[in-house]
């Protein structure tokens, strides 16, 4: 029977989602009712073999912070799978083709984003690894922590019901978004994502809790959402773990106060940190950041320009730049050709040109470098960017760089 690729119908959502859960194993960590509300059915695809779902892909409408602080409409690609019974039939390629064509036709989102369970798949569709994430397991019983001045002047307030203080946390989060490239503005409904806490998925931990750092006027300056897993070393000595879900702070004092709180919880000797910026400041507050913290860095967000000109013009540049880039993009050929990028910290333009190229690269390298997390010079050293005018690579690499590492603030 011929596979049919079509836009998801609301009446098919349960079957569609069941197929996704099967593909990603058990529940896949996905909250069914939340995703029912978040799914944009008119931007979701299903590949059907009769009544059987054999492939899926879905887009979410986001706005992402880019260098300079602008929030740029971006299409977040997720829920992508092809059944193992239907591999090598072109289903994935067809879904990627249609999603990118429809995003371009809508003319709203110059960027496409995804996170990848298998990163090697998406390079051929033009996605470059744009951000990394930091994970760590900190031995708080032995690691010393030196917090910034003023951290001890904030009041810490514990809310056992994290949902009850969600508005205060989201206010802090919203103020942080423009400050770091890669952060996503919370579209309606996504503020519930950090609060998902089904008992069957706690794996021995307690319920989600939230602590707020408040100044003398009672304004919330920072927060952390976390859970506690009590345990012992087998001899009766307590050895519990703090499971950090997410945290944000508006200034260094509040940041330090939140981390001090997490380090000092009774009966806890370990702090599990997941999915933080690679330049997170706690790395410079601890006495031993490697041996007793075990930091690891992993791939996170993959990005690709849907419209090269609009994407490059949407961000600012750390240093003045005037460079002609010859772009290769076999999957989205409308991007191919030479583009003149000129700009600085105040803004940028990127337009078609017939001038000789200074650099040559594929759209995948543009996606990797777009947020400043991957240096163009490093890509050049790997043979993935060709310098056609002496000095052009170094100048462009400096312009694309950012003073804060980009970071995807929540998955999708």
Protein backbone atom coordinates (compact mmCIF):
# COMPACT_ATOMS: atom_id res chain seq x y z
CA UNK A 1 0.00 0.00 0.00
CA UNK A 2 1.31 3.46 -0.88
CA UNK A 3 2.35 5.64 2.06
CA UNK A 4 0.28 8.82 2.34
CA UNK A 5 1.87 11.98 3.77
CA UNK A 6 -0.65 14.51 4.99
CA UNK A 7 -1.31 17.25 7.50
CA UNK A 8 -2.47 15.92 10.85
CA UNK A 9 -6.19 15.94 11.55
CA UNK A 10 -7.27 16.73 15.09
CA UNK A 11 -9.26 13.48 15.18
CA UNK A 12 -6.04 11.53 14.45
CA UNK A 13 -3.99 13.08 17.23
CA UNK A 14 -4.17 10.17 19.68
CA UNK A 15 -3.09 7.61 17.08
CA UNK A 16 -0.38 9.98 15.87
CA UNK A 17 0.96 10.52 19.38
CA UNK A 18 0.81 6.81 20.20
CA UNK A 19 3.02 6.18 17.18
CA UNK A 20 5.52 8.76 18.42
CA UNK A 21 5.60 7.18 21.88
CA UNK A 22 6.30 3.78 20.34
CA UNK A 23 9.10 5.23 18.27
CA UNK A 24 10.82 6.92 21.22
CA UNK A 25 10.24 4.13 23.71
CA UNK A 26 7.53 3.83 26.39
CA UNK A 27 6.39 7.32 27.29
CA UNK A 28 9.53 8.97 25.96
CA UNK A 29 9.34 11.51 28.77
CA UNK A 30 6.47 13.27 26.99
CA UNK A 31 3.45 14.59 28.87
CA UNK A 32 0.49 13.48 26.78
CA UNK A 33 -2.05 16.09 27.83
CA UNK A 34 0.44 18.94 27.64
CA UNK A 35 1.52 17.97 24.13
CA UNK A 36 -2.11 17.61 23.13
CA UNK A 37 -2.49 21.33 23.83
CA UNK A 38 0.90 22.35 22.42
CA UNK A 39 0.67 20.47 19.12
CA UNK A 40 -0.02 22.74 16.16
CA UNK A 41 -1.98 20.29 14.03
CA UNK A 42 -1.82 22.49 10.93
CA UNK A 43 2.00 22.33 11.18
CA UNK A 44 2.19 18.59 11.90
CA UNK A 45 2.59 15.75 9.43
CA UNK A 46 1.77 12.09 9.55
CA UNK A 47 2.92 9.42 7.13
CA UNK A 48 0.27 6.69 7.01
CA UNK A 49 0.33 3.19 5.58
CA UNK A 50 -3.39 2.51 5.67
CA UNK A 51 -4.39 3.12 9.28
CA UNK A 52 -0.83 2.70 10.59
CA UNK A 53 1.30 5.72 11.40
CA UNK A 54 4.77 5.09 9.95
CA UNK A 55 6.27 8.59 10.20
CA UNK A 56 5.72 11.97 11.81
CA UNK A 57 7.08 15.49 12.06
CA UNK A 58 5.75 18.58 13.77
CA UNK A 59 6.62 22.26 13.90
CA UNK A 60 6.25 24.58 16.89
CA UNK A 61 6.08 28.36 16.50
CA UNK A 62 8.78 29.96 18.65
CA UNK A 63 10.64 33.22 18.98
CA UNK A 64 14.33 32.74 19.73
CA UNK A 65 16.82 35.27 21.05
CA UNK A 66 19.66 35.95 18.62
CA UNK A 67 22.87 37.97 19.12
CA UNK A 68 21.84 41.55 19.77
CA UNK A 69 18.72 40.58 21.73
CA UNK A 70 16.09 40.41 18.97
CA UNK A 71 13.49 37.66 19.28
CA UNK A 72 13.31 36.06 15.85
CA UNK A 73 10.39 33.85 14.74
CA UNK A 74 11.73 30.30 14.40
CA UNK A 75 10.21 26.97 13.42
CA UNK A 76 10.98 24.30 16.00
CA UNK A 77 11.00 20.88 14.34
CA UNK A 78 10.17 17.96 16.64
CA UNK A 79 8.31 14.63 16.89
CA UNK A 80 10.32 13.35 13.91
CA UNK A 81 10.34 9.60 13.40
CA UNK A 82 10.08 6.94 10.71
CA UNK A 83 8.98 3.41 11.58
CA UNK A 84 11.75 0.81 11.21
CA UNK A 85 9.40 -1.10 8.89
CA UNK A 86 9.40 1.81 6.44
CA UNK A 87 13.02 2.97 6.34
CA UNK A 88 14.82 3.88 3.11
CA UNK A 89 11.62 4.81 1.31
CA UNK A 90 12.20 8.57 1.30
CA UNK A 91 9.66 9.31 4.04
CA UNK A 92 12.02 11.42 6.17
CA UNK A 93 13.24 13.36 3.15
CA UNK A 94 9.66 14.02 2.06
CA UNK A 95 8.71 15.32 5.50
CA UNK A 96 11.79 17.55 5.71
CA UNK A 97 11.12 18.83 2.20
CA UNK A 98 7.54 19.73 2.98
CA UNK A 99 8.25 21.34 6.37
CA UNK A 100 10.96 23.60 4.97
CA UNK A 101 8.96 24.50 1.87
CA UNK A 102 5.91 25.42 3.94
CA UNK A 103 8.01 27.44 6.39
CA UNK A 104 9.53 29.38 3.52
CA UNK A 105 6.17 29.89 1.79
CA UNK A 106 4.69 31.36 4.98
CA UNK A 107 7.46 33.96 4.97
CA UNK A 108 7.49 34.44 8.75
CA UNK A 109 10.31 32.29 10.17
CA UNK A 110 13.80 32.69 8.67
CA UNK A 111 15.18 29.94 10.93
CA UNK A 112 14.45 26.28 11.53
CA UNK A 113 15.53 24.59 14.79
CA UNK A 114 15.68 21.07 16.14
CA UNK A 115 17.20 18.90 18.83
CA UNK A 116 18.48 15.55 17.62
CA UNK A 117 18.45 12.10 19.17
CA UNK A 118 20.70 11.07 16.26
CA UNK A 119 22.60 14.21 15.18
CA UNK A 120 24.21 12.59 12.14
CA UNK A 121 20.87 12.47 10.35
CA UNK A 122 20.24 16.18 9.99
CA UNK A 123 23.45 17.56 8.51
CA UNK A 124 22.35 16.49 5.05
CA UNK A 125 19.29 18.70 5.43
CA UNK A 126 21.41 21.75 6.28
CA UNK A 127 21.25 21.78 10.09
CA UNK A 128 24.41 22.70 11.98
CA UNK A 129 25.10 22.17 15.68
CA UNK A 130 24.58 25.67 17.09
CA UNK A 131 24.62 25.20 20.87
CA UNK A 132 25.96 22.78 23.44
CA UNK A 133 24.73 22.01 26.95
CA UNK A 134 26.55 21.45 30.21
CA UNK A 135 25.77 18.55 32.54
CA UNK A 136 27.51 17.93 35.87
CA UNK A 137 27.32 15.87 39.05
CA UNK A 138 28.67 17.98 41.88
CA UNK A 139 29.91 16.48 45.14
CA UNK A 140 28.55 19.23 47.37
CA UNK A 141 29.90 17.49 50.48
CA UNK A 142 33.46 18.20 49.34
CA UNK A 143 33.28 21.07 46.82
CA UNK A 144 33.78 24.58 48.18
CA UNK A 145 31.57 27.33 46.82
CA UNK A 146 32.42 31.04 46.87
CA UNK A 147 29.42 33.20 46.00
CA UNK A 148 29.48 36.79 44.67
CA UNK A 149 29.21 39.76 47.05
CA UNK A 150 25.68 40.50 48.20
CA UNK A 151 24.43 36.93 47.83
CA UNK A 152 23.85 36.64 51.59
CA UNK A 153 21.54 39.66 51.63
CA UNK A 154 18.76 37.99 49.64
CA UNK A 155 15.93 36.16 51.39
CA UNK A 156 15.26 32.59 50.30
CA UNK A 157 11.63 31.52 50.26
CA UNK A 158 10.64 27.90 49.73
CA UNK A 159 7.43 27.03 47.88
CA UNK A 160 6.63 23.33 48.14
CA UNK A 161 4.09 23.75 45.35
CA UNK A 162 6.16 24.92 42.40
CA UNK A 163 3.05 25.75 40.38
CA UNK A 164 1.93 28.33 42.94
CA UNK A 165 4.91 30.58 42.17
CA UNK A 166 5.13 29.87 38.43
CA UNK A 167 4.19 33.43 37.47
CA UNK A 168 7.08 34.86 39.49
CA UNK A 169 9.53 32.41 37.95
CA UNK A 170 8.29 33.08 34.44
CA UNK A 171 8.70 36.82 34.96
CA UNK A 172 12.39 36.25 35.77
CA UNK A 173 12.77 33.89 32.81
CA UNK A 174 11.18 36.37 30.38
CA UNK A 175 13.63 39.11 31.41
CA UNK A 176 16.55 36.75 30.85
CA UNK A 177 15.56 35.60 27.34
CA UNK A 178 16.93 38.55 25.29
CA UNK A 179 20.24 38.44 27.17
CA UNK A 180 21.47 35.08 25.88
CA UNK A 181 21.30 33.85 22.26
CA UNK A 182 19.40 30.62 21.81
CA UNK A 183 16.90 31.15 24.61
CA UNK A 184 13.27 30.64 23.63
CA UNK A 185 10.48 32.97 24.57
CA UNK A 186 7.81 30.93 26.33
CA UNK A 187 4.95 30.64 23.87
CA UNK A 188 1.56 30.14 25.60
CA UNK A 189 1.42 26.73 27.25
CA UNK A 190 5.18 26.19 27.31
CA UNK A 191 5.42 27.70 30.81
CA UNK A 192 3.90 24.42 31.99
CA UNK A 193 6.79 22.35 30.64
CA UNK A 194 9.13 22.90 33.65
CA UNK A 195 6.26 21.97 35.99
CA UNK A 196 5.55 18.51 34.57
CA UNK A 197 6.14 16.12 37.45
CA UNK A 198 4.21 12.85 37.15
CA UNK A 199 4.88 10.61 40.19
CA UNK A 200 5.61 7.58 38.00
CA UNK A 201 8.61 9.38 36.45
CA UNK A 202 10.26 10.66 39.64
CA UNK A 203 12.48 7.56 40.04
CA UNK A 204 12.58 7.77 43.81
CA UNK A 205 12.69 11.55 44.07
CA UNK A 206 10.18 13.70 45.88
CA UNK A 207 7.77 16.18 44.36
CA UNK A 208 9.01 19.20 42.47
CA UNK A 209 9.82 22.14 44.76
CA UNK A 210 10.79 25.73 44.05
CA UNK A 211 12.92 28.24 45.94
CA UNK A 212 12.78 31.98 45.30
CA UNK A 213 15.51 34.54 45.97
CA UNK A 214 13.93 37.84 46.99
CA UNK A 215 15.42 41.26 47.68
CA UNK A 216 14.54 43.53 50.60
CA UNK A 217 11.53 44.89 48.71
CA UNK A 218 10.18 41.38 48.15
CA UNK A 219 10.96 41.32 44.43
CA UNK A 220 11.86 37.89 43.07
CA UNK A 221 15.39 38.07 41.66
CA UNK A 222 16.01 34.38 41.04
CA UNK A 223 14.60 30.90 41.41
CA UNK A 224 15.40 27.20 41.17
CA UNK A 225 13.03 24.31 40.60
CA UNK A 226 14.33 21.02 41.91
CA UNK A 227 13.53 17.70 43.57
CA UNK A 228 15.25 15.74 46.34
CA UNK A 229 16.19 12.07 46.25
CA UNK A 230 17.07 10.81 49.72
CA UNK A 231 19.56 7.99 50.07
CA UNK A 232 22.50 6.64 52.06
CA UNK A 233 25.93 5.17 51.45
CA UNK A 234 24.91 1.76 52.78
CA UNK A 235 26.20 2.40 56.31
CA UNK A 236 23.36 4.63 57.38
CA UNK A 237 25.14 7.87 56.45
CA UNK A 238 22.84 10.15 54.45
CA UNK A 239 23.84 10.69 50.84
CA UNK A 240 20.98 12.38 49.04
CA UNK A 241 20.87 14.07 45.64
CA UNK A 242 19.45 17.42 44.59
CA UNK A 243 17.98 17.11 41.10
CA UNK A 244 18.05 20.59 39.57
CA UNK A 245 15.26 21.05 37.03
CA UNK A 246 15.91 24.66 36.02
CA UNK A 247 17.02 27.99 37.46
CA UNK A 248 17.43 31.62 36.43
CA UNK A 249 18.56 34.81 38.17
CA UNK A 250 18.56 38.49 37.25
CA UNK A 251 21.92 39.42 38.78
CA UNK A 252 25.07 37.88 40.22
CA UNK A 253 23.92 38.21 43.84
CA UNK A 254 20.69 36.32 43.21
CA UNK A 255 22.54 33.73 41.15
CA UNK A 256 24.98 33.13 43.97
CA UNK A 257 22.19 32.95 46.55
CA UNK A 258 20.36 30.26 44.59
CA UNK A 259 23.49 28.14 44.18
CA UNK A 260 24.38 28.51 47.87
CA UNK A 261 20.90 27.28 48.76
CA UNK A 262 21.25 24.24 46.49
CA UNK A 263 24.65 23.40 47.99
CA UNK A 264 23.49 23.64 51.61
CA UNK A 265 20.34 21.48 51.67
CA UNK A 266 20.32 19.10 54.65
CA UNK A 267 21.09 15.41 54.06
CA UNK A 268 22.08 16.14 50.44
CA UNK A 269 25.63 15.44 49.28
CA UNK A 270 25.27 15.58 45.49
CA UNK A 271 23.81 18.08 43.06
CA UNK A 272 22.80 16.79 39.64
CA UNK A 273 22.93 19.57 37.06
CA UNK A 274 21.51 19.02 33.58
CA UNK A 275 21.17 21.16 30.49
CA UNK A 276 22.89 24.39 31.55
CA UNK A 277 24.90 26.92 29.50
CA UNK A 278 28.45 25.79 28.77
CA UNK A 279 29.77 29.00 30.36
CA UNK A 280 27.53 28.77 33.45
CA UNK A 281 29.06 30.93 36.18
CA UNK A 282 29.06 28.24 38.88
CA UNK A 283 32.10 26.76 37.10
CA UNK A 284 34.04 29.76 38.44
CA UNK A 285 32.52 29.67 41.92
CA UNK A 286 33.65 26.16 42.88
CA UNK A 287 37.04 25.12 44.20
CA UNK A 288 37.30 22.01 42.00
CA UNK A 289 35.30 22.17 38.79
CA UNK A 290 36.52 18.94 37.20
CA UNK A 291 37.41 16.20 39.68
CA UNK A 292 34.49 16.78 42.08
CA UNK A 293 31.94 18.19 39.62
CA UNK A 294 32.44 15.92 36.59
CA UNK A 295 31.29 18.40 33.92
CA UNK A 296 30.27 17.06 30.50
CA UNK A 297 29.39 18.95 27.36
CA UNK A 298 26.87 17.63 24.84
CA UNK A 299 25.24 18.73 21.58
CA UNK A 300 21.97 20.60 22.05
CA UNK A 301 20.35 22.85 19.43
CA UNK A 302 20.75 22.42 15.68
CA UNK A 303 19.85 25.38 13.46
CA UNK A 304 19.55 26.11 9.77
CA UNK A 305 18.63 29.31 7.93
CA UNK A 306 15.44 28.90 5.93
CA UNK A 307 16.10 32.29 4.34
CA UNK A 308 19.80 33.16 4.48
CA UNK A 309 19.39 36.88 3.91
CA UNK A 310 16.66 37.40 6.49
CA UNK A 311 18.39 35.20 9.06
CA UNK A 312 21.77 36.92 8.87
CA UNK A 313 20.16 40.36 8.90
CA UNK A 314 18.12 39.55 12.01
CA UNK A 315 21.14 39.44 14.36
CA UNK A 316 23.87 41.94 15.20
CA UNK A 317 27.63 41.42 15.03
CA UNK A 318 30.27 41.91 17.71
CA UNK A 319 32.71 43.61 15.32
CA UNK A 320 32.06 45.46 12.06
CA UNK A 321 31.77 43.02 9.18
CA UNK A 322 31.58 43.42 5.41
CA UNK A 323 31.97 40.06 3.74
CA UNK A 324 30.65 38.25 0.65
CA UNK A 325 29.66 34.68 1.42
CA UNK A 326 29.17 32.03 -1.25
CA UNK A 327 26.53 29.69 0.16
CA UNK A 328 25.91 26.10 -0.89
CA UNK A 329 22.45 24.72 -0.05
CA UNK A 330 21.45 21.77 -2.19
CA UNK A 331 18.33 21.01 -0.14
CA UNK A 332 16.96 24.59 -0.22
CA UNK A 333 18.44 25.92 -3.48
CA UNK A 334 16.82 29.33 -3.09
CA UNK A 335 19.63 30.08 -0.60
CA UNK A 336 22.47 29.22 -2.97
CA UNK A 337 24.73 31.91 -4.33
CA UNK A 338 26.63 34.95 -3.09
CA UNK A 339 25.41 37.15 -0.25
CA UNK A 340 26.95 40.37 1.02
CA UNK A 341 26.70 40.63 4.80
CA UNK A 342 27.47 44.02 6.27
CA UNK A 343 26.79 45.08 9.82
CA UNK A 344 27.97 45.74 13.35
CA UNK A 345 26.56 45.93 16.88
CA UNK A 346 23.83 48.28 15.69
CA UNK A 347 22.33 46.08 12.98
CA UNK A 348 22.99 44.32 9.71
CA UNK A 349 22.01 43.84 6.08
CA UNK A 350 22.41 40.72 3.97
CA UNK A 351 21.59 40.91 0.28
CA UNK A 352 22.30 39.15 -3.00
CA UNK A 353 25.42 40.29 -4.81
CA UNK A 354 27.51 39.55 -7.90
CA UNK A 355 30.72 40.59 -6.18
CA UNK A 356 33.51 38.07 -5.76
CA UNK A 357 33.15 35.86 -2.71
CA UNK A 358 35.38 36.20 0.35
CA UNK A 359 34.24 32.95 2.01
CA UNK A 360 32.61 29.77 0.76
CA UNK A 361 30.61 27.44 2.98
CA UNK A 362 27.42 25.42 3.14
CA UNK A 363 24.24 26.46 4.92
CA UNK A 364 25.11 23.87 7.57
CA UNK A 365 28.14 25.92 8.64
CA UNK A 366 26.02 29.08 8.71
CA UNK A 367 23.59 27.33 11.03
CA UNK A 368 26.40 26.18 13.30
CA UNK A 369 27.95 29.65 13.52
CA UNK A 370 24.71 31.63 13.58
CA UNK A 371 24.31 32.03 17.35
CA UNK A 372 28.03 32.47 18.04
CA UNK A 373 28.52 29.08 19.65
CA UNK A 374 30.72 27.62 16.89
CA UNK A 375 33.58 29.72 15.55
CA UNK A 376 33.83 30.14 11.79
CA UNK A 377 37.60 29.94 12.20
CA UNK A 378 37.28 26.51 13.83
CA UNK A 379 35.08 25.37 10.95
CA UNK A 380 37.70 26.72 8.57
CA UNK A 381 40.40 24.72 10.33
CA UNK A 382 38.22 21.64 9.81
CA UNK A 383 38.02 22.36 6.09
CA UNK A 384 34.35 23.27 6.21
CA UNK A 385 34.79 26.99 5.42
CA UNK A 386 37.06 28.13 2.58
CA UNK A 387 38.75 31.50 2.80
CA UNK A 388 38.86 33.11 -0.65
CA UNK A 389 40.19 36.51 0.43
CA UNK A 390 43.07 36.63 2.93
CA UNK A 391 41.91 37.87 6.33
CA UNK A 392 38.20 37.40 5.61
CA UNK A 393 37.80 34.31 7.78
CA UNK A 394 39.31 35.85 10.90
CA UNK A 395 37.27 39.05 10.55
CA UNK A 396 34.02 37.18 9.99
CA UNK A 397 34.73 34.76 12.84
CA UNK A 398 35.28 37.66 15.25
CA UNK A 399 32.08 39.35 14.10
CA UNK A 400 29.93 36.24 14.56
CA UNK A 401 31.29 35.56 18.08
CA UNK A 402 29.24 36.44 21.18
CA UNK A 403 30.32 37.30 24.72
CA UNK A 404 27.86 34.76 26.18
CA UNK A 405 27.68 31.20 24.94
CA UNK A 406 24.36 30.51 23.23
CA UNK A 407 22.05 28.12 25.03
CA UNK A 408 18.76 26.39 24.30
CA UNK A 409 16.77 27.11 27.45
CA UNK A 410 14.21 24.32 27.07
CA UNK A 411 13.65 21.39 24.80
CA UNK A 412 10.76 20.78 22.48
